[in-house]
């Protein structure tokens, strides 16, 4: 009788152990198959700029250029605004970095051909796409972009001169960025190469004949200091 009860106890124990093992394996399998929830993050900021455009070659010795000593008092100084940064999600491999910018050349008086006093101004619109690197806390990042700038430089406010020089320039750009809570501080460095005709043209609705000016090939380097705001 005692042996019979022992056999019954062993059989019930084996069945209970088997059921418990099946439940444990099933739970572990469900846990492994549970998808990882994406944790979205971005360091996109609205940026405000101030800086300089330094050209490959001088233009009547009136603007900052590589072939002469840089002078902070010379044009072209620029101000502007834009959006820059990257989006990505933890658990996914995709990462997108993008930037859009608008620079306004601060109008400045220059003298060309030793006697013609005119005002130089203009604007730049640009965009780019690239990749980003950041620390674990996402407070320090470095982004590299490939893109383009387009716009025009204008000479005006002179009896004889009212002309424009439009350009389209592929560019490379790097932007180290520091984010403290929602405030960002960054430096933007761009190098661009003008692929358009360097000649000057008459402005729209301008009746005066174009004054013969030296061609202006607008290859340049741009350096900007930026203060931004991280939204969302």
C-alpha atoms as a PDB file:
ATOM      1  CA  UNK A   1       0.000   0.000   0.000  1.00  0.00           C
ATOM      2  CA  UNK A   2       2.814   2.381   0.886  1.00  0.00           C
ATOM      3  CA  UNK A   3       4.590   1.603  -2.390  1.00  0.00           C
ATOM      4  CA  UNK A   4       1.396   2.294  -4.352  1.00  0.00           C
ATOM      5  CA  UNK A   5       0.983   5.707  -2.715  1.00  0.00           C
ATOM      6  CA  UNK A   6       4.655   6.478  -3.398  1.00  0.00           C
ATOM      7  CA  UNK A   7       4.197   5.684  -7.090  1.00  0.00           C
ATOM      8  CA  UNK A   8       1.112   7.935  -7.257  1.00  0.00           C
ATOM      9  CA  UNK A   9       3.048  10.782  -5.564  1.00  0.00           C
ATOM     10  CA  UNK A  10       5.970  10.458  -7.979  1.00  0.00           C
ATOM     11  CA  UNK A  11       3.674  10.454 -11.039  1.00  0.00           C
ATOM     12  CA  UNK A  12       1.786  13.576  -9.861  1.00  0.00           C
ATOM     13  CA  UNK A  13       5.070  15.343  -9.068  1.00  0.00           C
ATOM     14  CA  UNK A  14       6.422  14.586 -12.538  1.00  0.00           C
ATOM     15  CA  UNK A  15       3.228  15.906 -14.192  1.00  0.00           C
ATOM     16  CA  UNK A  16       3.327  19.125 -12.113  1.00  0.00           C
ATOM     17  CA  UNK A  17       7.018  19.671 -12.874  1.00  0.00           C
ATOM     18  CA  UNK A  18       6.398  19.163 -16.590  1.00  0.00           C
ATOM     19  CA  UNK A  19       3.547  21.655 -16.649  1.00  0.00           C
ATOM     20  CA  UNK A  20       5.582  24.234 -14.717  1.00  0.00           C
ATOM     21  CA  UNK A  21       8.506  23.805 -17.139  1.00  0.00           C
ATOM     22  CA  UNK A  22       6.217  24.280 -20.155  1.00  0.00           C
ATOM     23  CA  UNK A  23       4.750  27.481 -18.687  1.00  0.00           C
ATOM     24  CA  UNK A  24       8.243  28.838 -17.904  1.00  0.00           C
ATOM     25  CA  UNK A  25       9.521  28.091 -21.432  1.00  0.00           C
ATOM     26  CA  UNK A  26       6.398  29.655 -22.960  1.00  0.00           C
ATOM     27  CA  UNK A  27       6.830  32.845 -20.913  1.00  0.00           C
ATOM     28  CA  UNK A  28      10.511  33.109 -21.800  1.00  0.00           C
ATOM     29  CA  UNK A  29       9.680  32.633 -25.486  1.00  0.00           C
ATOM     30  CA  UNK A  30       6.993  35.349 -25.347  1.00  0.00           C
ATOM     31  CA  UNK A  31       9.446  37.647 -23.605  1.00  0.00           C
ATOM     32  CA  UNK A  32      12.075  37.133 -26.312  1.00  0.00           C
ATOM     33  CA  UNK A  33       9.579  37.670 -29.120  1.00  0.00           C
ATOM     34  CA  UNK A  34       8.212  40.892 -27.619  1.00  0.00           C
ATOM     35  CA  UNK A  35       9.239  43.757 -29.996  1.00  0.00           C
ATOM     36  CA  UNK A  36      11.585  46.477 -28.723  1.00  0.00           C
ATOM     37  CA  UNK A  37       9.769  49.761 -28.341  1.00  0.00           C
ATOM     38  CA  UNK A  38      11.471  52.536 -30.327  1.00  0.00           C
ATOM     39  CA  UNK A  39      12.696  55.461 -28.279  1.00  0.00           C
ATOM     40  CA  UNK A  40      12.611  58.476 -30.572  1.00  0.00           C
ATOM     41  CA  UNK A  41      15.092  61.282 -30.085  1.00  0.00           C
ATOM     42  CA  UNK A  42      16.157  64.373 -31.990  1.00  0.00           C
ATOM     43  CA  UNK A  43      18.566  67.272 -31.545  1.00  0.00           C
ATOM     44  CA  UNK A  44      16.994  69.520 -34.158  1.00  0.00           C
ATOM     45  CA  UNK A  45      17.238  73.192 -33.288  1.00  0.00           C
ATOM     46  CA  UNK A  46      16.110  76.507 -34.687  1.00  0.00           C
ATOM     47  CA  UNK A  47      19.355  78.424 -35.154  1.00  0.00           C
ATOM     48  CA  UNK A  48      20.253  82.096 -35.435  1.00  0.00           C
ATOM     49  CA  UNK A  49      23.573  82.946 -37.124  1.00  0.00           C
ATOM     50  CA  UNK A  50      26.217  85.586 -37.366  1.00  0.00           C
ATOM     51  CA  UNK A  51      29.437  85.238 -39.312  1.00  0.00           C
ATOM     52  CA  UNK A  52      31.557  85.921 -42.399  1.00  0.00           C
ATOM     53  CA  UNK A  53      31.958  84.742 -45.961  1.00  0.00           C
ATOM     54  CA  UNK A  54      35.617  84.604 -47.001  1.00  0.00           C
ATOM     55  CA  UNK A  55      36.170  84.281 -50.757  1.00  0.00           C
ATOM     56  CA  UNK A  56      38.814  82.366 -52.657  1.00  0.00           C
ATOM     57  CA  UNK A  57      39.929  85.508 -54.485  1.00  0.00           C
ATOM     58  CA  UNK A  58      39.626  89.172 -53.675  1.00  0.00           C
ATOM     59  CA  UNK A  59      37.271  91.468 -55.570  1.00  0.00           C
ATOM     60  CA  UNK A  60      38.810  94.909 -56.095  1.00  0.00           C
ATOM     61  CA  UNK A  61      40.477  94.352 -52.682  1.00  0.00           C
ATOM     62  CA  UNK A  62      37.163  95.185 -51.026  1.00  0.00           C
ATOM     63  CA  UNK A  63      36.054  91.871 -49.477  1.00  0.00           C
ATOM     64  CA  UNK A  64      37.636  89.255 -47.248  1.00  0.00           C
ATOM     65  CA  UNK A  65      39.504  86.635 -49.221  1.00  0.00           C
ATOM     66  CA  UNK A  66      42.080  83.862 -48.876  1.00  0.00           C
ATOM     67  CA  UNK A  67      44.625  85.566 -51.125  1.00  0.00           C
ATOM     68  CA  UNK A  68      44.971  88.536 -48.753  1.00  0.00           C
ATOM     69  CA  UNK A  69      45.061  89.028 -45.003  1.00  0.00           C
ATOM     70  CA  UNK A  70      41.587  88.722 -43.477  1.00  0.00           C
ATOM     71  CA  UNK A  71      40.170  91.909 -42.020  1.00  0.00           C
ATOM     72  CA  UNK A  72      37.107  91.801 -39.745  1.00  0.00           C
ATOM     73  CA  UNK A  73      36.087  95.268 -40.946  1.00  0.00           C
ATOM     74  CA  UNK A  74      35.644  94.084 -44.527  1.00  0.00           C
ATOM     75  CA  UNK A  75      32.478  92.505 -45.930  1.00  0.00           C
ATOM     76  CA  UNK A  76      30.817  90.171 -46.311  1.00  0.00           C
ATOM     77  CA  UNK A  77      29.257  89.859 -42.870  1.00  0.00           C
ATOM     78  CA  UNK A  78      26.077  87.805 -42.687  1.00  0.00           C
ATOM     79  CA  UNK A  79      23.181  87.163 -40.339  1.00  0.00           C
ATOM     80  CA  UNK A  80      20.528  84.528 -40.729  1.00  0.00           C
ATOM     81  CA  UNK A  81      18.404  81.719 -39.390  1.00  0.00           C
ATOM     82  CA  UNK A  82      17.774  78.066 -40.097  1.00  0.00           C
ATOM     83  CA  UNK A  83      17.034  74.591 -38.779  1.00  0.00           C
ATOM     84  CA  UNK A  84      19.638  71.881 -38.202  1.00  0.00           C
ATOM     85  CA  UNK A  85      19.989  68.537 -36.475  1.00  0.00           C
ATOM     86  CA  UNK A  86      19.146  64.856 -36.684  1.00  0.00           C
ATOM     87  CA  UNK A  87      16.327  62.403 -35.976  1.00  0.00           C
ATOM     88  CA  UNK A  88      16.796  58.793 -34.985  1.00  0.00           C
ATOM     89  CA  UNK A  89      15.207  56.094 -32.833  1.00  0.00           C
ATOM     90  CA  UNK A  90      16.940  53.685 -30.463  1.00  0.00           C
ATOM     91  CA  UNK A  91      16.351  50.151 -31.699  1.00  0.00           C
ATOM     92  CA  UNK A  92      16.466  51.141 -35.373  1.00  0.00           C
ATOM     93  CA  UNK A  93      19.405  51.651 -37.671  1.00  0.00           C
ATOM     94  CA  UNK A  94      18.067  54.652 -39.607  1.00  0.00           C
ATOM     95  CA  UNK A  95      19.393  58.110 -38.855  1.00  0.00           C
ATOM     96  CA  UNK A  96      18.661  61.267 -40.826  1.00  0.00           C
ATOM     97  CA  UNK A  97      20.435  64.609 -40.499  1.00  0.00           C
ATOM     98  CA  UNK A  98      19.275  67.693 -42.351  1.00  0.00           C
ATOM     99  CA  UNK A  99      19.719  71.454 -42.355  1.00  0.00           C
ATOM    100  CA  UNK A 100      18.123  74.441 -44.052  1.00  0.00           C
ATOM    101  CA  UNK A 101      19.590  77.947 -43.859  1.00  0.00           C
ATOM    102  CA  UNK A 102      18.992  81.506 -44.956  1.00  0.00           C
ATOM    103  CA  UNK A 103      21.778  84.101 -44.740  1.00  0.00           C
ATOM    104  CA  UNK A 104      21.417  87.797 -45.413  1.00  0.00           C
ATOM    105  CA  UNK A 105      24.484  89.787 -46.426  1.00  0.00           C
ATOM    106  CA  UNK A 106      24.629  92.935 -44.322  1.00  0.00           C
ATOM    107  CA  UNK A 107      24.655  95.832 -46.862  1.00  0.00           C
ATOM    108  CA  UNK A 108      28.051  97.545 -46.916  1.00  0.00           C
ATOM    109  CA  UNK A 109      29.602 100.370 -48.934  1.00  0.00           C
ATOM    110  CA  UNK A 110      32.610  99.435 -51.088  1.00  0.00           C
ATOM    111  CA  UNK A 111      34.681 101.224 -53.694  1.00  0.00           C
ATOM    112  CA  UNK A 112      35.487  99.466 -56.956  1.00  0.00           C
ATOM    113  CA  UNK A 113      37.783 100.556 -59.773  1.00  0.00           C
ATOM    114  CA  UNK A 114      39.187 103.169 -57.341  1.00  0.00           C
ATOM    115  CA  UNK A 115      36.322 105.610 -57.840  1.00  0.00           C
ATOM    116  CA  UNK A 116      32.913 103.921 -57.995  1.00  0.00           C
ATOM    117  CA  UNK A 117      31.253 103.900 -54.594  1.00  0.00           C
ATOM    118  CA  UNK A 118      28.515 101.280 -54.426  1.00  0.00           C
ATOM    119  CA  UNK A 119      26.644  99.142 -51.928  1.00  0.00           C
ATOM    120  CA  UNK A 120      27.132  95.361 -51.844  1.00  0.00           C
ATOM    121  CA  UNK A 121      24.385  93.118 -50.443  1.00  0.00           C
ATOM    122  CA  UNK A 122      22.719  89.803 -51.185  1.00  0.00           C
ATOM    123  CA  UNK A 123      21.366  86.579 -49.739  1.00  0.00           C
ATOM    124  CA  UNK A 124      22.064  82.841 -49.541  1.00  0.00           C
ATOM    125  CA  UNK A 125      19.606  79.935 -49.308  1.00  0.00           C
ATOM    126  CA  UNK A 126      21.006  76.480 -48.597  1.00  0.00           C
ATOM    127  CA  UNK A 127      20.224  72.949 -47.513  1.00  0.00           C
ATOM    128  CA  UNK A 128      22.091  69.728 -46.835  1.00  0.00           C
ATOM    129  CA  UNK A 129      21.814  66.117 -45.651  1.00  0.00           C
ATOM    130  CA  UNK A 130      24.298  64.074 -43.681  1.00  0.00           C
ATOM    131  CA  UNK A 131      25.132  61.941 -40.645  1.00  0.00           C
ATOM    132  CA  UNK A 132      25.603  62.712 -36.947  1.00  0.00           C
ATOM    133  CA  UNK A 133      27.692  61.504 -34.032  1.00  0.00           C
ATOM    134  CA  UNK A 134      26.712  62.214 -30.416  1.00  0.00           C
ATOM    135  CA  UNK A 135      27.674  61.292 -26.866  1.00  0.00           C
ATOM    136  CA  UNK A 136      25.475  59.006 -24.728  1.00  0.00           C
ATOM    137  CA  UNK A 137      23.614  61.920 -23.143  1.00  0.00           C
ATOM    138  CA  UNK A 138      23.022  63.479 -26.585  1.00  0.00           C
ATOM    139  CA  UNK A 139      24.301  66.840 -25.335  1.00  0.00           C
ATOM    140  CA  UNK A 140      27.353  67.055 -27.614  1.00  0.00           C
ATOM    141  CA  UNK A 141      27.182  66.217 -31.293  1.00  0.00           C
ATOM    142  CA  UNK A 142      29.056  66.572 -34.552  1.00  0.00           C
ATOM    143  CA  UNK A 143      27.218  66.550 -37.876  1.00  0.00           C
ATOM    144  CA  UNK A 144      28.591  66.506 -41.408  1.00  0.00           C
ATOM    145  CA  UNK A 145      26.492  67.571 -44.399  1.00  0.00           C
ATOM    146  CA  UNK A 146      26.598  67.555 -48.173  1.00  0.00           C
ATOM    147  CA  UNK A 147      24.352  70.022 -49.938  1.00  0.00           C
ATOM    148  CA  UNK A 148      24.230  73.300 -51.818  1.00  0.00           C
ATOM    149  CA  UNK A 149      23.888  77.060 -51.457  1.00  0.00           C
ATOM    150  CA  UNK A 150      22.198  79.333 -53.947  1.00  0.00           C
ATOM    151  CA  UNK A 151      21.465  83.043 -54.012  1.00  0.00           C
ATOM    152  CA  UNK A 152      22.887  86.256 -55.385  1.00  0.00           C
ATOM    153  CA  UNK A 153      25.215  89.148 -54.653  1.00  0.00           C
ATOM    154  CA  UNK A 154      24.035  92.628 -55.628  1.00  0.00           C
ATOM    155  CA  UNK A 155      25.768  95.935 -56.339  1.00  0.00           C
ATOM    156  CA  UNK A 156      23.469  98.965 -56.160  1.00  0.00           C
ATOM    157  CA  UNK A 157      22.983 102.522 -54.882  1.00  0.00           C
ATOM    158  CA  UNK A 158      25.194 104.006 -57.564  1.00  0.00           C
ATOM    159  CA  UNK A 159      24.387 106.173 -60.580  1.00  0.00           C
ATOM    160  CA  UNK A 160      26.050 103.717 -62.966  1.00  0.00           C
ATOM    161  CA  UNK A 161      25.864 100.354 -61.216  1.00  0.00           C
ATOM    162  CA  UNK A 162      22.797  98.273 -60.423  1.00  0.00           C
ATOM    163  CA  UNK A 163      23.712  94.667 -61.143  1.00  0.00           C
ATOM    164  CA  UNK A 164      23.415  91.174 -59.720  1.00  0.00           C
ATOM    165  CA  UNK A 165      25.561  88.043 -59.714  1.00  0.00           C
ATOM    166  CA  UNK A 166      23.580  84.867 -59.101  1.00  0.00           C
ATOM    167  CA  UNK A 167      25.247  81.623 -58.038  1.00  0.00           C
ATOM    168  CA  UNK A 168      24.669  77.939 -57.333  1.00  0.00           C
ATOM    169  CA  UNK A 169      27.329  76.222 -55.221  1.00  0.00           C
ATOM    170  CA  UNK A 170      27.617  72.604 -54.034  1.00  0.00           C
ATOM    171  CA  UNK A 171      28.929  72.616 -50.462  1.00  0.00           C
ATOM    172  CA  UNK A 172      30.273  70.566 -47.588  1.00  0.00           C
ATOM    173  CA  UNK A 173      29.466  71.579 -44.042  1.00  0.00           C
ATOM    174  CA  UNK A 174      30.320  70.533 -40.486  1.00  0.00           C
ATOM    175  CA  UNK A 175      28.535  71.623 -37.331  1.00  0.00           C
ATOM    176  CA  UNK A 176      29.660  70.770 -33.794  1.00  0.00           C
ATOM    177  CA  UNK A 177      26.784  71.439 -31.414  1.00  0.00           C
ATOM    178  CA  UNK A 178      26.382  71.678 -27.633  1.00  0.00           C
ATOM    179  CA  UNK A 179      22.870  71.422 -26.151  1.00  0.00           C
ATOM    180  CA  UNK A 180      22.153  72.550 -22.592  1.00  0.00           C
ATOM    181  CA  UNK A 181      18.532  71.677 -21.831  1.00  0.00           C
ATOM    182  CA  UNK A 182      16.821  73.479 -24.741  1.00  0.00           C
ATOM    183  CA  UNK A 183      19.529  75.986 -25.632  1.00  0.00           C
ATOM    184  CA  UNK A 184      22.125  75.065 -28.244  1.00  0.00           C
ATOM    185  CA  UNK A 185      25.446  76.636 -29.143  1.00  0.00           C
ATOM    186  CA  UNK A 186      27.187  75.609 -32.338  1.00  0.00           C
ATOM    187  CA  UNK A 187      29.778  76.570 -34.918  1.00  0.00           C
ATOM    188  CA  UNK A 188      29.074  76.131 -38.634  1.00  0.00           C
ATOM    189  CA  UNK A 189      31.849  75.815 -41.206  1.00  0.00           C
ATOM    190  CA  UNK A 190      31.023  75.625 -44.915  1.00  0.00           C
ATOM    191  CA  UNK A 191      33.084  75.331 -48.078  1.00  0.00           C
ATOM    192  CA  UNK A 192      31.324  75.880 -51.407  1.00  0.00           C
ATOM    193  CA  UNK A 193      32.243  75.975 -55.080  1.00  0.00           C
ATOM    194  CA  UNK A 194      30.375  78.241 -57.494  1.00  0.00           C
ATOM    195  CA  UNK A 195      29.509  76.362 -60.720  1.00  0.00           C
ATOM    196  CA  UNK A 196      27.626  79.198 -62.441  1.00  0.00           C
ATOM    197  CA  UNK A 197      28.627  82.010 -64.775  1.00  0.00           C
ATOM    198  CA  UNK A 198      30.678  84.570 -62.785  1.00  0.00           C
ATOM    199  CA  UNK A 199      29.510  87.520 -64.878  1.00  0.00           C
ATOM    200  CA  UNK A 200      27.263  90.333 -63.645  1.00  0.00           C
ATOM    201  CA  UNK A 201      23.788  90.903 -65.093  1.00  0.00           C
ATOM    202  CA  UNK A 202      21.296  93.716 -65.144  1.00  0.00           C
ATOM    203  CA  UNK A 203      18.667  93.503 -62.397  1.00  0.00           C
ATOM    204  CA  UNK A 204      15.017  92.967 -63.244  1.00  0.00           C
ATOM    205  CA  UNK A 205      13.214  96.184 -64.202  1.00  0.00           C
ATOM    206  CA  UNK A 206      16.562  97.974 -64.443  1.00  0.00           C
ATOM    207  CA  UNK A 207      16.739 100.219 -67.532  1.00  0.00           C
ATOM    208  CA  UNK A 208      20.378 101.265 -67.304  1.00  0.00           C
ATOM    209  CA  UNK A 209      22.861  99.378 -69.444  1.00  0.00           C
ATOM    210  CA  UNK A 210      25.140  97.049 -67.431  1.00  0.00           C
ATOM    211  CA  UNK A 211      28.402  98.653 -66.368  1.00  0.00           C
ATOM    212  CA  UNK A 212      31.376  96.486 -67.331  1.00  0.00           C
ATOM    213  CA  UNK A 213      32.563  94.831 -64.103  1.00  0.00           C
ATOM    214  CA  UNK A 214      35.189  92.211 -63.433  1.00  0.00           C
ATOM    215  CA  UNK A 215      33.647  88.687 -63.194  1.00  0.00           C
ATOM    216  CA  UNK A 216      33.098  87.480 -59.647  1.00  0.00           C
ATOM    217  CA  UNK A 217      33.470  83.719 -59.102  1.00  0.00           C
ATOM    218  CA  UNK A 218      31.902  83.147 -55.679  1.00  0.00           C
ATOM    219  CA  UNK A 219      33.923  80.226 -54.321  1.00  0.00           C
ATOM    220  CA  UNK A 220      34.094  80.821 -50.590  1.00  0.00           C
ATOM    221  CA  UNK A 221      34.300  79.611 -47.017  1.00  0.00           C
ATOM    222  CA  UNK A 222      31.608  80.544 -44.504  1.00  0.00           C
ATOM    223  CA  UNK A 223      32.120  80.640 -40.747  1.00  0.00           C
ATOM    224  CA  UNK A 224      29.182  81.153 -38.406  1.00  0.00           C
ATOM    225  CA  UNK A 225      28.468  81.220 -34.692  1.00  0.00           C
ATOM    226  CA  UNK A 226      24.979  80.010 -33.862  1.00  0.00           C
ATOM    227  CA  UNK A 227      22.638  80.145 -30.873  1.00  0.00           C
ATOM    228  CA  UNK A 228      19.594  77.905 -31.161  1.00  0.00           C
ATOM    229  CA  UNK A 229      16.531  76.479 -29.453  1.00  0.00           C
ATOM    230  CA  UNK A 230      15.709  72.759 -29.274  1.00  0.00           C
ATOM    231  CA  UNK A 231      11.975  72.326 -29.763  1.00  0.00           C
ATOM    232  CA  UNK A 232       9.811  69.404 -28.517  1.00  0.00           C
END
